[in-house]
């Protein structure tokens, strides 16, 4: 893997960390009343998400965990992160609109490129 590829992967991991961190923070602040930092449960989930991201062998080709074909989260953690995303996703528009916009654009570009690949391969 080239240095440029390694840099891009590191940037993707950082972006994913930032998005999930902000979503968990919004959830924890609103649902658990935390003004600063995360409650122990939310911190545990954030740490778990970071560990999954660090070990992800698909980081080069995927956009976000939700778009990955292999779901490596334990069922309990997957359910919790889905709950947080459902709650925090719409609220990201209020708290972090640019981060949300970039996240949505990245996701849409990925979806459209996958569709184009399928059309070209005749599937």
PDB file of N, CA and C in Angstrom:
ATOM      1  N   UNK A   1       0.851  -1.171   0.000  1.00  0.00           N
ATOM      2  CA  UNK A   1       0.000   0.000   0.000  1.00  0.00           C
ATOM      3  C   UNK A   1       0.900   1.238   0.000  1.00  0.00           C
ATOM      4  N   UNK A   2       0.597   2.179  -0.854  1.00  0.00           N
ATOM      5  CA  UNK A   2       1.411   3.387  -0.969  1.00  0.00           C
ATOM      6  C   UNK A   2       1.145   4.326   0.205  1.00  0.00           C
ATOM      7  N   UNK A   3       2.049   5.276   0.377  1.00  0.00           N
ATOM      8  CA  UNK A   3       1.886   6.268   1.437  1.00  0.00           C
ATOM      9  C   UNK A   3       0.643   7.105   1.241  1.00  0.00           C
ATOM     10  N   UNK A   4       0.323   7.398  -0.042  1.00  0.00           N
ATOM     11  CA  UNK A   4      -0.871   8.186  -0.354  1.00  0.00           C
ATOM     12  C   UNK A   4      -2.137   7.428   0.039  1.00  0.00           C
ATOM     13  N   UNK A   5      -2.163   6.118  -0.256  1.00  0.00           N
ATOM     14  CA  UNK A   5      -3.321   5.293   0.118  1.00  0.00           C
ATOM     15  C   UNK A   5      -3.455   5.226   1.639  1.00  0.00           C
ATOM     16  N   UNK A   6      -2.336   5.036   2.319  1.00  0.00           N
ATOM     17  CA  UNK A   6      -2.360   4.970   3.782  1.00  0.00           C
ATOM     18  C   UNK A   6      -2.895   6.265   4.374  1.00  0.00           C
ATOM     19  N   UNK A   7      -2.503   7.384   3.780  1.00  0.00           N
ATOM     20  CA  UNK A   7      -2.973   8.687   4.247  1.00  0.00           C
ATOM     21  C   UNK A   7      -4.480   8.818   4.051  1.00  0.00           C
ATOM     22  N   UNK A   8      -4.986   8.383   2.891  1.00  0.00           N
ATOM     23  CA  UNK A   8      -6.424   8.464   2.613  1.00  0.00           C
ATOM     24  C   UNK A   8      -7.217   7.603   3.588  1.00  0.00           C
ATOM     25  N   UNK A   9      -6.703   6.407   3.868  1.00  0.00           N
ATOM     26  CA  UNK A   9      -7.382   5.514   4.808  1.00  0.00           C
ATOM     27  C   UNK A   9      -7.393   6.128   6.205  1.00  0.00           C
ATOM     28  N   UNK A  10      -6.279   6.715   6.605  1.00  0.00           N
ATOM     29  CA  UNK A  10      -6.213   7.372   7.917  1.00  0.00           C
ATOM     30  C   UNK A  10      -7.212   8.526   7.987  1.00  0.00           C
ATOM     31  N   UNK A  11      -7.342   9.276   6.905  1.00  0.00           N
ATOM     32  CA  UNK A  11      -8.305  10.380   6.867  1.00  0.00           C
ATOM     33  C   UNK A  11      -9.737   9.864   6.962  1.00  0.00           C
ATOM     34  N   UNK A  12     -10.027   8.736   6.291  1.00  0.00           N
ATOM     35  CA  UNK A  12     -11.371   8.148   6.371  1.00  0.00           C
ATOM     36  C   UNK A  12     -11.680   7.711   7.796  1.00  0.00           C
ATOM     37  N   UNK A  13     -10.694   7.089   8.446  1.00  0.00           N
ATOM     38  CA  UNK A  13     -10.894   6.659   9.833  1.00  0.00           C
ATOM     39  C   UNK A  13     -11.147   7.864  10.737  1.00  0.00           C
ATOM     40  N   UNK A  14     -10.382   8.918  10.532  1.00  0.00           N
ATOM     41  CA  UNK A  14     -10.571  10.130  11.339  1.00  0.00           C
ATOM     42  C   UNK A  14     -11.952  10.735  11.111  1.00  0.00           C
ATOM     43  N   UNK A  15     -12.387  10.772   9.856  1.00  0.00           N
ATOM     44  CA  UNK A  15     -13.706  11.325   9.524  1.00  0.00           C
ATOM     45  C   UNK A  15     -14.805  10.478  10.166  1.00  0.00           C
ATOM     46  N   UNK A  16     -14.658   9.151  10.076  1.00  0.00           N
ATOM     47  CA  UNK A  16     -15.641   8.251  10.682  1.00  0.00           C
ATOM     48  C   UNK A  16     -15.674   8.443  12.200  1.00  0.00           C
ATOM     49  N   UNK A  17     -14.504   8.574  12.803  1.00  0.00           N
ATOM     50  CA  UNK A  17     -14.411   8.796  14.250  1.00  0.00           C
ATOM     51  C   UNK A  17     -15.118  10.093  14.635  1.00  0.00           C
ATOM     52  N   UNK A  18     -14.916  11.133  13.845  1.00  0.00           N
ATOM     53  CA  UNK A  18     -15.529  12.425  14.139  1.00  0.00           C
ATOM     54  C   UNK A  18     -17.052  12.349  14.040  1.00  0.00           C
ATOM     55  N   UNK A  19     -17.557  11.721  12.979  1.00  0.00           N
ATOM     56  CA  UNK A  19     -19.008  11.626  12.783  1.00  0.00           C
ATOM     57  C   UNK A  19     -19.645  10.815  13.904  1.00  0.00           C
ATOM     58  N   UNK A  20     -19.104   9.633  14.168  1.00  0.00           N
ATOM     59  CA  UNK A  20     -19.721   8.781  15.188  1.00  0.00           C
ATOM     60  C   UNK A  20     -19.568   9.411  16.572  1.00  0.00           C
ATOM     61  N   UNK A  21     -18.453  10.074  16.808  1.00  0.00           N
ATOM     62  CA  UNK A  21     -18.254  10.758  18.084  1.00  0.00           C
ATOM     63  C   UNK A  21     -19.275  11.858  18.314  1.00  0.00           C
ATOM     64  N   UNK A  22     -19.547  12.630  17.282  1.00  0.00           N
ATOM     65  CA  UNK A  22     -20.534  13.704  17.401  1.00  0.00           C
ATOM     66  C   UNK A  22     -21.941  13.141  17.588  1.00  0.00           C
ATOM     67  N   UNK A  23     -22.252  12.062  16.882  1.00  0.00           N
ATOM     68  CA  UNK A  23     -23.585  11.460  17.012  1.00  0.00           C
ATOM     69  C   UNK A  23     -23.796  10.905  18.419  1.00  0.00           C
ATOM     70  N   UNK A  24     -22.790  10.224  18.941  1.00  0.00           N
ATOM     71  CA  UNK A  24     -22.900   9.682  20.297  1.00  0.00           C
ATOM     72  C   UNK A  24     -22.989  10.821  21.310  1.00  0.00           C
ATOM     73  N   UNK A  25     -22.228  11.889  21.099  1.00  0.00           N
ATOM     74  CA  UNK A  25     -22.258  13.033  22.023  1.00  0.00           C
ATOM     75  C   UNK A  25     -23.638  13.693  22.050  1.00  0.00           C
ATOM     76  N   UNK A  26     -24.248  13.863  20.883  1.00  0.00           N
ATOM     77  CA  UNK A  26     -25.598  14.443  20.824  1.00  0.00           C
ATOM     78  C   UNK A  26     -26.573  13.559  21.594  1.00  0.00           C
ATOM     79  N   UNK A  27     -26.520  12.268  21.328  1.00  0.00           N
ATOM     80  CA  UNK A  27     -27.411  11.316  21.989  1.00  0.00           C
ATOM     81  C   UNK A  27     -27.215  11.355  23.508  1.00  0.00           C
ATOM     82  N   UNK A  28     -25.959  11.281  23.936  1.00  0.00           N
ATOM     83  CA  UNK A  28     -25.660  11.232  25.368  1.00  0.00           C
ATOM     84  C   UNK A  28     -26.092  12.528  26.057  1.00  0.00           C
ATOM     85  N   UNK A  29     -25.854  13.642  25.410  1.00  0.00           N
ATOM     86  CA  UNK A  29     -26.244  14.938  25.983  1.00  0.00           C
ATOM     87  C   UNK A  29     -27.762  15.021  26.153  1.00  0.00           C
ATOM     88  N   UNK A  30     -28.495  14.626  25.127  1.00  0.00           N
ATOM     89  CA  UNK A  30     -29.958  14.760  25.164  1.00  0.00           C
ATOM     90  C   UNK A  30     -30.639  13.668  25.988  1.00  0.00           C
ATOM     91  N   UNK A  31     -30.158  12.440  25.875  1.00  0.00           N
ATOM     92  CA  UNK A  31     -30.825  11.319  26.547  1.00  0.00           C
ATOM     93  C   UNK A  31     -30.324  11.071  27.972  1.00  0.00           C
ATOM     94  N   UNK A  32     -29.045  11.362  28.212  1.00  0.00           N
ATOM     95  CA  UNK A  32     -28.462  11.067  29.520  1.00  0.00           C
ATOM     96  C   UNK A  32     -28.111  12.330  30.298  1.00  0.00           C
ATOM     97  N   UNK A  33     -28.401  13.489  29.716  1.00  0.00           N
ATOM     98  CA  UNK A  33     -28.202  14.749  30.419  1.00  0.00           C
ATOM     99  C   UNK A  33     -26.759  15.160  30.634  1.00  0.00           C
ATOM    100  N   UNK A  34     -25.845  14.615  29.850  1.00  0.00           N
ATOM    101  CA  UNK A  34     -24.434  14.955  30.011  1.00  0.00           C
ATOM    102  C   UNK A  34     -24.139  16.302  29.365  1.00  0.00           C
ATOM    103  N   UNK A  35     -23.552  17.194  30.114  1.00  0.00           N
ATOM    104  CA  UNK A  35     -23.153  18.500  29.568  1.00  0.00           C
ATOM    105  C   UNK A  35     -21.817  18.374  28.838  1.00  0.00           C
ATOM    106  N   UNK A  36     -20.887  17.664  29.447  1.00  0.00           N
ATOM    107  CA  UNK A  36     -19.570  17.474  28.843  1.00  0.00           C
ATOM    108  C   UNK A  36     -19.191  16.013  28.949  1.00  0.00           C
ATOM    109  N   UNK A  37     -18.465  15.555  27.965  1.00  0.00           N
ATOM    110  CA  UNK A  37     -18.027  14.173  27.979  1.00  0.00           C
ATOM    111  C   UNK A  37     -19.180  13.211  27.757  1.00  0.00           C
ATOM    112  N   UNK A  38     -18.874  11.942  27.858  1.00  0.00           N
ATOM    113  CA  UNK A  38     -19.868  10.891  27.650  1.00  0.00           C
ATOM    114  C   UNK A  38     -20.074  10.118  28.941  1.00  0.00           C
ATOM    115  N   UNK A  39     -21.277   9.600  29.118  1.00  0.00           N
ATOM    116  CA  UNK A  39     -21.531   8.716  30.248  1.00  0.00           C
ATOM    117  C   UNK A  39     -20.745   7.420  30.013  1.00  0.00           C
ATOM    118  N   UNK A  40     -20.571   6.595  31.022  1.00  0.00           N
ATOM    119  CA  UNK A  40     -19.789   5.367  30.851  1.00  0.00           C
ATOM    120  C   UNK A  40     -20.303   4.454  29.727  1.00  0.00           C
ATOM    121  N   UNK A  41     -21.617   4.305  29.589  1.00  0.00           N
ATOM    122  CA  UNK A  41     -22.158   3.440  28.533  1.00  0.00           C
ATOM    123  C   UNK A  41     -21.858   3.991  27.146  1.00  0.00           C
ATOM    124  N   UNK A  42     -22.047   5.287  26.970  1.00  0.00           N
ATOM    125  CA  UNK A  42     -21.782   5.897  25.664  1.00  0.00           C
ATOM    126  C   UNK A  42     -20.286   5.894  25.359  1.00  0.00           C
ATOM    127  N   UNK A  43     -19.461   6.095  26.382  1.00  0.00           N
ATOM    128  CA  UNK A  43     -18.008   6.046  26.180  1.00  0.00           C
ATOM    129  C   UNK A  43     -17.586   4.647  25.759  1.00  0.00           C
ATOM    130  N   UNK A  44     -18.199   3.634  26.373  1.00  0.00           N
ATOM    131  CA  UNK A  44     -17.894   2.251  26.012  1.00  0.00           C
ATOM    132  C   UNK A  44     -18.259   1.989  24.551  1.00  0.00           C
ATOM    133  N   UNK A  45     -19.397   2.473  24.118  1.00  0.00           N
ATOM    134  CA  UNK A  45     -19.814   2.293  22.729  1.00  0.00           C
ATOM    135  C   UNK A  45     -18.873   3.033  21.780  1.00  0.00           C
ATOM    136  N   UNK A  46     -18.483   4.251  22.134  1.00  0.00           N
ATOM    137  CA  UNK A  46     -17.549   5.015  21.306  1.00  0.00           C
ATOM    138  C   UNK A  46     -16.215   4.279  21.191  1.00  0.00           C
ATOM    139  N   UNK A  47     -15.705   3.773  22.298  1.00  0.00           N
ATOM    140  CA  UNK A  47     -14.445   3.022  22.281  1.00  0.00           C
ATOM    141  C   UNK A  47     -14.575   1.769  21.423  1.00  0.00           C
ATOM    142  N   UNK A  48     -15.711   1.099  21.532  1.00  0.00           N
ATOM    143  CA  UNK A  48     -15.971  -0.104  20.737  1.00  0.00           C
ATOM    144  C   UNK A  48     -15.979   0.239  19.245  1.00  0.00           C
ATOM    145  N   UNK A  49     -16.663   1.317  18.887  1.00  0.00           N
ATOM    146  CA  UNK A  49     -16.732   1.736  17.483  1.00  0.00           C
ATOM    147  C   UNK A  49     -15.342   2.073  16.951  1.00  0.00           C
ATOM    148  N   UNK A  50     -14.525   2.709  17.775  1.00  0.00           N
ATOM    149  CA  UNK A  50     -13.163   3.054  17.349  1.00  0.00           C
ATOM    150  C   UNK A  50     -12.322   1.801  17.137  1.00  0.00           C
ATOM    151  N   UNK A  51     -12.468   0.838  18.029  1.00  0.00           N
ATOM    152  CA  UNK A  51     -11.720  -0.417  17.892  1.00  0.00           C
ATOM    153  C   UNK A  51     -12.121  -1.140  16.610  1.00  0.00           C
ATOM    154  N   UNK A  52     -13.411  -1.163  16.307  1.00  0.00           N
ATOM    155  CA  UNK A  52     -13.888  -1.793  15.071  1.00  0.00           C
ATOM    156  C   UNK A  52     -13.293  -1.082  13.854  1.00  0.00           C
ATOM    157  N   UNK A  53     -13.291   0.225  13.885  1.00  0.00           N
ATOM    158  CA  UNK A  53     -12.769   1.016  12.768  1.00  0.00           C
ATOM    159  C   UNK A  53     -11.271   0.770  12.576  1.00  0.00           C
ATOM    160  N   UNK A  54     -10.525   0.721  13.672  1.00  0.00           N
ATOM    161  CA  UNK A  54      -9.071   0.501  13.583  1.00  0.00           C
ATOM    162  C   UNK A  54      -8.743  -0.845  12.961  1.00  0.00           C
ATOM    163  N   UNK A  55      -9.576  -1.844  13.221  1.00  0.00           N
ATOM    164  CA  UNK A  55      -9.311  -3.197  12.729  1.00  0.00           C
ATOM    165  C   UNK A  55      -9.979  -3.507  11.393  1.00  0.00           C
ATOM    166  N   UNK A  56     -10.700  -2.564  10.835  1.00  0.00           N
ATOM    167  CA  UNK A  56     -11.485  -2.827   9.625  1.00  0.00           C
ATOM    168  C   UNK A  56     -10.590  -3.088   8.415  1.00  0.00           C
ATOM    169  N   UNK A  57     -10.725  -4.271   7.804  1.00  0.00           N
ATOM    170  CA  UNK A  57      -9.931  -4.569   6.610  1.00  0.00           C
ATOM    171  C   UNK A  57     -10.531  -3.970   5.333  1.00  0.00           C
ATOM    172  N   UNK A  58     -11.724  -3.395   5.428  1.00  0.00           N
ATOM    173  CA  UNK A  58     -12.419  -2.862   4.251  1.00  0.00           C
ATOM    174  C   UNK A  58     -12.385  -1.339   4.184  1.00  0.00           C
ATOM    175  N   UNK A  59     -11.630  -0.712   5.043  1.00  0.00           N
ATOM    176  CA  UNK A  59     -11.618   0.748   5.119  1.00  0.00           C
ATOM    177  C   UNK A  59     -11.270   1.382   3.770  1.00  0.00           C
ATOM    178  N   UNK A  60     -10.437   0.729   3.002  1.00  0.00           N
ATOM    179  CA  UNK A  60     -10.018   1.276   1.709  1.00  0.00           C
ATOM    180  C   UNK A  60     -11.182   1.378   0.730  1.00  0.00           C
ATOM    181  N   UNK A  61     -12.131   0.451   0.797  1.00  0.00           N
ATOM    182  CA  UNK A  61     -13.192   0.387  -0.211  1.00  0.00           C
ATOM    183  C   UNK A  61     -14.566   0.820   0.281  1.00  0.00           C
ATOM    184  N   UNK A  62     -14.774   0.892   1.591  1.00  0.00           N
ATOM    185  CA  UNK A  62     -16.106   1.255   2.089  1.00  0.00           C
ATOM    186  C   UNK A  62     -16.175   2.736   2.402  1.00  0.00           C
ATOM    187  N   UNK A  63     -17.375   3.244   2.514  1.00  0.00           N
ATOM    188  CA  UNK A  63     -17.533   4.633   2.938  1.00  0.00           C
ATOM    189  C   UNK A  63     -17.738   4.675   4.447  1.00  0.00           C
ATOM    190  N   UNK A  64     -18.789   4.028   4.923  1.00  0.00           N
ATOM    191  CA  UNK A  64     -19.101   4.011   6.348  1.00  0.00           C
ATOM    192  C   UNK A  64     -19.522   2.597   6.726  1.00  0.00           C
ATOM    193  N   UNK A  65     -19.531   2.319   8.009  1.00  0.00           N
ATOM    194  CA  UNK A  65     -19.906   0.981   8.482  1.00  0.00           C
ATOM    195  C   UNK A  65     -21.288   0.571   7.975  1.00  0.00           C
ATOM    196  N   UNK A  66     -22.196   1.516   7.894  1.00  0.00           N
ATOM    197  CA  UNK A  66     -23.551   1.195   7.448  1.00  0.00           C
ATOM    198  C   UNK A  66     -23.572   0.702   6.002  1.00  0.00           C
ATOM    199  N   UNK A  67     -22.553   1.048   5.220  1.00  0.00           N
ATOM    200  CA  UNK A  67     -22.490   0.633   3.819  1.00  0.00           C
ATOM    201  C   UNK A  67     -21.658  -0.631   3.626  1.00  0.00           C
ATOM    202  N   UNK A  68     -21.118  -1.160   4.692  1.00  0.00           N
ATOM    203  CA  UNK A  68     -20.243  -2.325   4.607  1.00  0.00           C
ATOM    204  C   UNK A  68     -21.071  -3.603   4.451  1.00  0.00           C
ATOM    205  N   UNK A  69     -20.533  -4.537   3.682  1.00  0.00           N
ATOM    206  CA  UNK A  69     -21.228  -5.813   3.487  1.00  0.00           C
ATOM    207  C   UNK A  69     -21.043  -6.746   4.676  1.00  0.00           C
ATOM    208  N   UNK A  70     -19.992  -6.540   5.459  1.00  0.00           N
ATOM    209  CA  UNK A  70     -19.714  -7.357   6.634  1.00  0.00           C
ATOM    210  C   UNK A  70     -20.003  -6.513   7.867  1.00  0.00           C
ATOM    211  N   UNK A  71     -20.964  -6.943   8.668  1.00  0.00           N
ATOM    212  CA  UNK A  71     -21.304  -6.197   9.875  1.00  0.00           C
ATOM    213  C   UNK A  71     -20.606  -6.856  11.059  1.00  0.00           C
ATOM    214  N   UNK A  72     -19.530  -6.222  11.517  1.00  0.00           N
ATOM    215  CA  UNK A  72     -18.678  -6.824  12.536  1.00  0.00           C
ATOM    216  C   UNK A  72     -19.086  -6.465  13.966  1.00  0.00           C
ATOM    217  N   UNK A  73     -20.066  -5.590  14.131  1.00  0.00           N
ATOM    218  CA  UNK A  73     -20.510  -5.227  15.473  1.00  0.00           C
ATOM    219  C   UNK A  73     -21.274  -6.392  16.095  1.00  0.00           C
ATOM    220  N   UNK A  74     -21.085  -6.572  17.403  1.00  0.00           N
ATOM    221  CA  UNK A  74     -21.908  -7.532  18.140  1.00  0.00           C
ATOM    222  C   UNK A  74     -23.355  -7.056  18.048  1.00  0.00           C
ATOM    223  N   UNK A  75     -24.325  -7.974  18.036  1.00  0.00           N
ATOM    224  CA  UNK A  75     -25.730  -7.559  17.886  1.00  0.00           C
ATOM    225  C   UNK A  75     -26.169  -6.483  18.876  1.00  0.00           C
ATOM    226  N   UNK A  76     -25.782  -6.606  20.145  1.00  0.00           N
ATOM    227  CA  UNK A  76     -26.180  -5.620  21.159  1.00  0.00           C
ATOM    228  C   UNK A  76     -25.615  -4.236  20.814  1.00  0.00           C
ATOM    229  N   UNK A  77     -24.361  -4.193  20.419  1.00  0.00           N
ATOM    230  CA  UNK A  77     -23.723  -2.918  20.068  1.00  0.00           C
ATOM    231  C   UNK A  77     -24.300  -2.365  18.765  1.00  0.00           C
ATOM    232  N   UNK A  78     -24.603  -3.243  17.829  1.00  0.00           N
ATOM    233  CA  UNK A  78     -25.196  -2.809  16.558  1.00  0.00           C
ATOM    234  C   UNK A  78     -26.557  -2.164  16.806  1.00  0.00           C
ATOM    235  N   UNK A  79     -27.359  -2.783  17.666  1.00  0.00           N
ATOM    236  CA  UNK A  79     -28.673  -2.212  17.994  1.00  0.00           C
ATOM    237  C   UNK A  79     -28.530  -0.839  18.650  1.00  0.00           C
ATOM    238  N   UNK A  80     -27.566  -0.716  19.546  1.00  0.00           N
ATOM    239  CA  UNK A  80     -27.368   0.553  20.246  1.00  0.00           C
ATOM    240  C   UNK A  80     -26.897   1.643  19.281  1.00  0.00           C
ATOM    241  N   UNK A  81     -25.973   1.312  18.395  1.00  0.00           N
ATOM    242  CA  UNK A  81     -25.466   2.324  17.465  1.00  0.00           C
ATOM    243  C   UNK A  81     -26.559   2.734  16.479  1.00  0.00           C
ATOM    244  N   UNK A  82     -27.406   1.805  16.093  1.00  0.00           N
ATOM    245  CA  UNK A  82     -28.542   2.152  15.222  1.00  0.00           C
ATOM    246  C   UNK A  82     -29.495   3.117  15.928  1.00  0.00           C
ATOM    247  N   UNK A  83     -29.771   2.832  17.193  1.00  0.00           N
ATOM    248  CA  UNK A  83     -30.644   3.711  17.981  1.00  0.00           C
ATOM    249  C   UNK A  83     -30.055   5.128  18.044  1.00  0.00           C
ATOM    250  N   UNK A  84     -28.776   5.203  18.289  1.00  0.00           N
ATOM    251  CA  UNK A  84     -28.098   6.500  18.368  1.00  0.00           C
ATOM    252  C   UNK A  84     -28.141   7.208  17.022  1.00  0.00           C
ATOM    253  N   UNK A  85     -27.895   6.486  15.948  1.00  0.00           N
ATOM    254  CA  UNK A  85     -27.907   7.105  14.615  1.00  0.00           C
ATOM    255  C   UNK A  85     -29.301   7.587  14.235  1.00  0.00           C
ATOM    256  N   UNK A  86     -30.313   6.808  14.578  1.00  0.00           N
ATOM    257  CA  UNK A  86     -31.689   7.234  14.288  1.00  0.00           C
ATOM    258  C   UNK A  86     -32.039   8.518  15.038  1.00  0.00           C
ATOM    259  N   UNK A  87     -31.589   8.597  16.261  1.00  0.00           N
ATOM    260  CA  UNK A  87     -31.879   9.778  17.070  1.00  0.00           C
ATOM    261  C   UNK A  87     -31.022  10.971  16.628  1.00  0.00           C
ATOM    262  N   UNK A  88     -29.735  10.753  16.500  1.00  0.00           N
ATOM    263  CA  UNK A  88     -28.798  11.853  16.266  1.00  0.00           C
ATOM    264  C   UNK A  88     -28.713  12.304  14.816  1.00  0.00           C
ATOM    265  N   UNK A  89     -28.989  11.413  13.886  1.00  0.00           N
ATOM    266  CA  UNK A  89     -28.870  11.765  12.470  1.00  0.00           C
ATOM    267  C   UNK A  89     -29.593  13.048  12.100  1.00  0.00           C
ATOM    268  N   UNK A  90     -30.892  13.139  12.363  1.00  0.00           N
ATOM    269  CA  UNK A  90     -31.611  14.376  12.026  1.00  0.00           C
ATOM    270  C   UNK A  90     -31.111  15.591  12.817  1.00  0.00           C
ATOM    271  N   UNK A  91     -30.654  15.371  14.039  1.00  0.00           N
ATOM    272  CA  UNK A  91     -30.184  16.475  14.876  1.00  0.00           C
ATOM    273  C   UNK A  91     -28.813  16.990  14.450  1.00  0.00           C
ATOM    274  N   UNK A  92     -28.090  16.186  13.693  1.00  0.00           N
ATOM    275  CA  UNK A  92     -26.794  16.639  13.177  1.00  0.00           C
ATOM    276  C   UNK A  92     -26.981  17.875  12.306  1.00  0.00           C
ATOM    277  N   UNK A  93     -28.138  17.996  11.686  1.00  0.00           N
ATOM    278  CA  UNK A  93     -28.420  19.164  10.848  1.00  0.00           C
ATOM    279  C   UNK A  93     -28.367  20.455  11.670  1.00  0.00           C
ATOM    280  N   UNK A  94     -28.781  20.383  12.916  1.00  0.00           N
ATOM    281  CA  UNK A  94     -28.756  21.553  13.798  1.00  0.00           C
ATOM    282  C   UNK A  94     -27.380  21.805  14.411  1.00  0.00           C
ATOM    283  N   UNK A  95     -26.712  20.731  14.821  1.00  0.00           N
ATOM    284  CA  UNK A  95     -25.469  20.872  15.571  1.00  0.00           C
ATOM    285  C   UNK A  95     -24.210  20.869  14.702  1.00  0.00           C
ATOM    286  N   UNK A  96     -24.219  20.090  13.636  1.00  0.00           N
ATOM    287  CA  UNK A  96     -23.034  19.953  12.780  1.00  0.00           C
ATOM    288  C   UNK A  96     -23.460  19.836  11.315  1.00  0.00           C
ATOM    289  N   UNK A  97     -24.059  20.891  10.764  1.00  0.00           N
ATOM    290  CA  UNK A  97     -24.607  20.795   9.403  1.00  0.00           C
ATOM    291  C   UNK A  97     -23.563  20.486   8.328  1.00  0.00           C
ATOM    292  N   UNK A  98     -22.367  21.050   8.422  1.00  0.00           N
ATOM    293  CA  UNK A  98     -21.349  20.785   7.401  1.00  0.00           C
ATOM    294  C   UNK A  98     -20.848  19.345   7.468  1.00  0.00           C
ATOM    295  N   UNK A  99     -20.679  18.848   8.669  1.00  0.00           N
ATOM    296  CA  UNK A  99     -20.258  17.459   8.842  1.00  0.00           C
ATOM    297  C   UNK A  99     -21.320  16.516   8.285  1.00  0.00           C
ATOM    298  N   UNK A 100     -22.586  16.817   8.550  1.00  0.00           N
ATOM    299  CA  UNK A 100     -23.686  16.003   8.030  1.00  0.00           C
ATOM    300  C   UNK A 100     -23.735  16.059   6.507  1.00  0.00           C
ATOM    301  N   UNK A 101     -23.590  17.245   5.953  1.00  0.00           N
ATOM    302  CA  UNK A 101     -23.629  17.398   4.502  1.00  0.00           C
ATOM    303  C   UNK A 101     -22.515  16.600   3.837  1.00  0.00           C
ATOM    304  N   UNK A 102     -21.323  16.689   4.371  1.00  0.00           N
ATOM    305  CA  UNK A 102     -20.195  15.936   3.810  1.00  0.00           C
ATOM    306  C   UNK A 102     -20.448  14.433   3.915  1.00  0.00           C
ATOM    307  N   UNK A 103     -20.988  14.009   5.046  1.00  0.00           N
ATOM    308  CA  UNK A 103     -21.304  12.596   5.263  1.00  0.00           C
ATOM    309  C   UNK A 103     -22.339  12.114   4.237  1.00  0.00           C
ATOM    310  N   UNK A 104     -23.382  12.907   4.040  1.00  0.00           N
ATOM    311  CA  UNK A 104     -24.443  12.530   3.099  1.00  0.00           C
ATOM    312  C   UNK A 104     -23.928  12.520   1.660  1.00  0.00           C
ATOM    313  N   UNK A 105     -23.123  13.483   1.289  1.00  0.00           N
ATOM    314  CA  UNK A 105     -22.569  13.523  -0.067  1.00  0.00           C
ATOM    315  C   UNK A 105     -21.660  12.330  -0.325  1.00  0.00           C
ATOM    316  N   UNK A 106     -20.830  12.008   0.637  1.00  0.00           N
ATOM    317  CA  UNK A 106     -19.952  10.847   0.500  1.00  0.00           C
ATOM    318  C   UNK A 106     -20.771   9.581   0.307  1.00  0.00           C
ATOM    319  N   UNK A 107     -21.825   9.438   1.084  1.00  0.00           N
ATOM    320  CA  UNK A 107     -22.692   8.267   0.981  1.00  0.00           C
ATOM    321  C   UNK A 107     -23.375   8.199  -0.386  1.00  0.00           C
ATOM    322  N   UNK A 108     -23.926   9.296  -0.844  1.00  0.00           N
ATOM    323  CA  UNK A 108     -24.619   9.324  -2.144  1.00  0.00           C
ATOM    324  C   UNK A 108     -23.659   9.045  -3.298  1.00  0.00           C
ATOM    325  N   UNK A 109     -22.474   9.608  -3.255  1.00  0.00           N
ATOM    326  CA  UNK A 109     -21.480   9.353  -4.301  1.00  0.00           C
ATOM    327  C   UNK A 109     -21.151   7.871  -4.344  1.00  0.00           C
ATOM    328  N   UNK A 110     -21.009   7.260  -3.178  1.00  0.00           N
ATOM    329  CA  UNK A 110     -20.716   5.825  -3.112  1.00  0.00           C
ATOM    330  C   UNK A 110     -21.857   5.003  -3.714  1.00  0.00           C
ATOM    331  N   UNK A 111     -23.083   5.341  -3.374  1.00  0.00           N
ATOM    332  CA  UNK A 111     -24.247   4.614  -3.895  1.00  0.00           C
ATOM    333  C   UNK A 111     -24.310   4.726  -5.416  1.00  0.00           C
ATOM    334  N   UNK A 112     -24.137   5.927  -5.940  1.00  0.00           N
ATOM    335  CA  UNK A 112     -24.207   6.119  -7.389  1.00  0.00           C
ATOM    336  C   UNK A 112     -23.065   5.417  -8.112  1.00  0.00           C
ATOM    337  N   UNK A 113     -21.878   5.409  -7.542  1.00  0.00           N
ATOM    338  CA  UNK A 113     -20.763   4.724  -8.194  1.00  0.00           C
ATOM    339  C   UNK A 113     -20.976   3.215  -8.191  1.00  0.00           C
ATOM    340  N   UNK A 114     -21.565   2.677  -7.128  1.00  0.00           N
ATOM    341  CA  UNK A 114     -21.881   1.239  -7.088  1.00  0.00           C
ATOM    342  C   UNK A 114     -22.912   0.882  -8.156  1.00  0.00           C
ATOM    343  N   UNK A 115     -23.914   1.734  -8.331  1.00  0.00           N
ATOM    344  CA  UNK A 115     -24.927   1.496  -9.369  1.00  0.00           C
ATOM    345  C   UNK A 115     -24.292   1.520 -10.754  1.00  0.00           C
ATOM    346  N   UNK A 116     -23.400   2.460 -10.981  1.00  0.00           N
ATOM    347  CA  UNK A 116     -22.726   2.563 -12.279  1.00  0.00           C
ATOM    348  C   UNK A 116     -21.869   1.329 -12.541  1.00  0.00           C
ATOM    349  N   UNK A 117     -21.195   0.829 -11.510  1.00  0.00           N
ATOM    350  CA  UNK A 117     -20.392  -0.389 -11.651  1.00  0.00           C
ATOM    351  C   UNK A 117     -21.270  -1.571 -12.039  1.00  0.00           C
ATOM    352  N   UNK A 118     -22.429  -1.693 -11.404  1.00  0.00           N
ATOM    353  CA  UNK A 118     -23.341  -2.794 -11.720  1.00  0.00           C
ATOM    354  C   UNK A 118     -23.842  -2.700 -13.151  1.00  0.00           C
ATOM    355  N   UNK A 119     -24.168  -1.492 -13.609  1.00  0.00           N
ATOM    356  CA  UNK A 119     -24.633  -1.314 -14.987  1.00  0.00           C
ATOM    357  C   UNK A 119     -23.549  -1.700 -15.977  1.00  0.00           C
ATOM    358  N   UNK A 120     -22.322  -1.303 -15.712  1.00  0.00           N
ATOM    359  CA  UNK A 120     -21.216  -1.604 -16.615  1.00  0.00           C
ATOM    360  C   UNK A 120     -20.923  -3.092 -16.667  1.00  0.00           C
ATOM    361  N   UNK A 121     -21.094  -3.774 -15.552  1.00  0.00           N
ATOM    362  CA  UNK A 121     -20.814  -5.208 -15.538  1.00  0.00           C
ATOM    363  C   UNK A 121     -22.000  -6.027 -16.040  1.00  0.00           C
ATOM    364  N   UNK A 122     -23.119  -5.365 -16.326  1.00  0.00           N
ATOM    365  CA  UNK A 122     -24.278  -6.044 -16.903  1.00  0.00           C
ATOM    366  C   UNK A 122     -25.124  -6.806 -15.914  1.00  0.00           C
ATOM    367  N   UNK A 123     -25.041  -6.475 -14.660  1.00  0.00           N
ATOM    368  CA  UNK A 123     -25.837  -7.180 -13.630  1.00  0.00           C
ATOM    369  C   UNK A 123     -27.218  -6.650 -13.546  1.00  0.00           C
TER     370      UNK A 123
END
